[in-house]
Amino acid sequence: MARQTKKIKYKGGPSEILDPIIFSNYEIKTLKHGNTGHQLYRFPSKAHDWENCWTMDLQSAQSGVLKYQQHLEYDDKKDE
């Protein structure tokens, strides 16, 4: 028996890069997600060892930036 495969047409659009937000001298990149239309913010995440992550919540991104800057200041003081 031959199996028929149903072709699925992709209905999402490309993500749109928006103007970044400068917060505490840090550039938070923003984009509008092509499939969902949600606005996403990129920030360094403590939970992911300071790797950049995306969130829909601007306050979470800003909080992540502040924690990252505190982490950098602590590392600088520790190295002295």
C-alpha atoms as a PDB file:
ATOM      1  CA  MET A   1       0.000   0.000   0.000  1.00  0.00           C
ATOM      2  CA  ALA A   2       1.261   3.433  -0.882  1.00  0.00           C
ATOM      3  CA  ARG A   3       0.989   6.044   1.829  1.00  0.00           C
ATOM      4  CA  GLN A   4      -0.223   9.420   0.826  1.00  0.00           C
ATOM      5  CA  THR A   5       1.545  12.299   2.445  1.00  0.00           C
ATOM      6  CA  LYS A   6      -0.388  15.451   2.986  1.00  0.00           C
ATOM      7  CA  LYS A   7       1.533  18.557   2.050  1.00  0.00           C
ATOM      8  CA  ILE A   8       1.188  21.250   4.656  1.00  0.00           C
ATOM      9  CA  LYS A   9       1.597  24.820   3.549  1.00  0.00           C
ATOM     10  CA  TYR A  10       3.481  27.012   6.025  1.00  0.00           C
ATOM     11  CA  LYS A  11       1.199  29.843   7.064  1.00  0.00           C
ATOM     12  CA  GLY A  12       3.526  31.886   9.261  1.00  0.00           C
ATOM     13  CA  GLY A  13       5.389  34.932   8.132  1.00  0.00           C
ATOM     14  CA  PRO A  14       8.936  36.078   8.713  1.00  0.00           C
ATOM     15  CA  SER A  15       9.824  37.699  12.021  1.00  0.00           C
ATOM     16  CA  GLU A  16      10.235  41.463  11.875  1.00  0.00           C
ATOM     17  CA  ILE A  17      13.272  43.030  13.559  1.00  0.00           C
ATOM     18  CA  LEU A  18      12.203  46.090  15.525  1.00  0.00           C
ATOM     19  CA  ASP A  19      14.268  48.971  16.889  1.00  0.00           C
ATOM     20  CA  PRO A  20      16.304  47.906  19.928  1.00  0.00           C
ATOM     21  CA  ILE A  21      15.621  49.351  23.373  1.00  0.00           C
ATOM     22  CA  ILE A  22      18.541  50.900  25.241  1.00  0.00           C
ATOM     23  CA  PHE A  23      18.204  50.163  28.947  1.00  0.00           C
ATOM     24  CA  SER A  24      20.961  50.943  31.452  1.00  0.00           C
ATOM     25  CA  ASN A  25      23.504  51.269  28.617  1.00  0.00           C
ATOM     26  CA  TYR A  26      22.562  47.776  27.326  1.00  0.00           C
ATOM     27  CA  GLU A  27      20.904  47.115  23.975  1.00  0.00           C
ATOM     28  CA  ILE A  28      17.836  44.892  24.316  1.00  0.00           C
ATOM     29  CA  LYS A  29      17.072  43.525  20.853  1.00  0.00           C
ATOM     30  CA  THR A  30      13.400  43.315  19.931  1.00  0.00           C
ATOM     31  CA  LEU A  31      11.454  41.534  17.247  1.00  0.00           C
ATOM     32  CA  LYS A  32       7.893  40.755  16.270  1.00  0.00           C
ATOM     33  CA  HIS A  33       7.508  36.977  15.960  1.00  0.00           C
ATOM     34  CA  GLY A  34       6.295  35.962  12.498  1.00  0.00           C
ATOM     35  CA  ASN A  35       3.944  33.182  13.615  1.00  0.00           C
ATOM     36  CA  THR A  36       2.456  34.584  16.810  1.00  0.00           C
ATOM     37  CA  GLY A  37       2.794  38.333  16.345  1.00  0.00           C
ATOM     38  CA  HIS A  38       4.202  38.619  19.878  1.00  0.00           C
ATOM     39  CA  GLN A  39       6.871  41.201  20.592  1.00  0.00           C
ATOM     40  CA  LEU A  40       9.984  39.505  21.996  1.00  0.00           C
ATOM     41  CA  TYR A  41      12.916  40.952  23.936  1.00  0.00           C
ATOM     42  CA  ARG A  42      16.430  39.449  24.087  1.00  0.00           C
ATOM     43  CA  PHE A  43      18.309  39.568  27.392  1.00  0.00           C
ATOM     44  CA  PRO A  44      21.085  37.729  29.292  1.00  0.00           C
ATOM     45  CA  SER A  45      19.568  35.081  31.574  1.00  0.00           C
ATOM     46  CA  LYS A  46      21.113  34.065  34.908  1.00  0.00           C
ATOM     47  CA  ALA A  47      19.160  30.783  34.757  1.00  0.00           C
ATOM     48  CA  HIS A  48      20.965  29.920  31.518  1.00  0.00           C
ATOM     49  CA  ASP A  49      24.484  30.937  32.600  1.00  0.00           C
ATOM     50  CA  TRP A  50      24.093  34.415  31.076  1.00  0.00           C
ATOM     51  CA  GLU A  51      23.212  33.106  27.604  1.00  0.00           C
ATOM     52  CA  ASN A  52      20.868  35.377  25.671  1.00  0.00           C
ATOM     53  CA  CYS A  53      17.214  34.348  25.907  1.00  0.00           C
ATOM     54  CA  TRP A  54      13.937  35.739  24.599  1.00  0.00           C
ATOM     55  CA  THR A  55      10.913  36.853  26.615  1.00  0.00           C
ATOM     56  CA  MET A  56       7.589  38.546  25.875  1.00  0.00           C
ATOM     57  CA  ASP A  57       7.876  40.603  29.070  1.00  0.00           C
ATOM     58  CA  LEU A  58       9.942  43.796  28.857  1.00  0.00           C
ATOM     59  CA  GLN A  59      10.236  44.051  32.665  1.00  0.00           C
ATOM     60  CA  SER A  60      11.771  40.547  32.792  1.00  0.00           C
ATOM     61  CA  ALA A  61      14.290  41.562  30.135  1.00  0.00           C
ATOM     62  CA  GLN A  62      15.178  44.741  32.032  1.00  0.00           C
ATOM     63  CA  SER A  63      15.532  42.800  35.277  1.00  0.00           C
ATOM     64  CA  GLY A  64      17.815  40.301  33.525  1.00  0.00           C
ATOM     65  CA  VAL A  65      19.988  43.141  32.252  1.00  0.00           C
ATOM     66  CA  LEU A  66      20.349  44.618  35.753  1.00  0.00           C
ATOM     67  CA  LYS A  67      21.256  41.205  37.226  1.00  0.00           C
ATOM     68  CA  TYR A  68      23.794  40.684  34.439  1.00  0.00           C
ATOM     69  CA  GLN A  69      25.403  44.057  35.108  1.00  0.00           C
ATOM     70  CA  GLN A  70      25.584  43.267  38.839  1.00  0.00           C
ATOM     71  CA  HIS A  71      27.209  39.934  37.961  1.00  0.00           C
ATOM     72  CA  LEU A  72      29.827  41.718  35.837  1.00  0.00           C
ATOM     73  CA  GLU A  73      30.541  44.244  38.610  1.00  0.00           C
ATOM     74  CA  TYR A  74      30.918  41.416  41.145  1.00  0.00           C
ATOM     75  CA  ASP A  75      33.343  39.576  38.839  1.00  0.00           C
ATOM     76  CA  ASP A  76      35.403  42.763  38.372  1.00  0.00           C
ATOM     77  CA  LYS A  77      35.641  43.331  42.139  1.00  0.00           C
ATOM     78  CA  LYS A  78      36.504  39.682  42.742  1.00  0.00           C
ATOM     79  CA  ASP A  79      39.352  39.860  40.220  1.00  0.00           C
ATOM     80  CA  GLU A  80      40.959  42.858  41.933  1.00  0.00           C
END
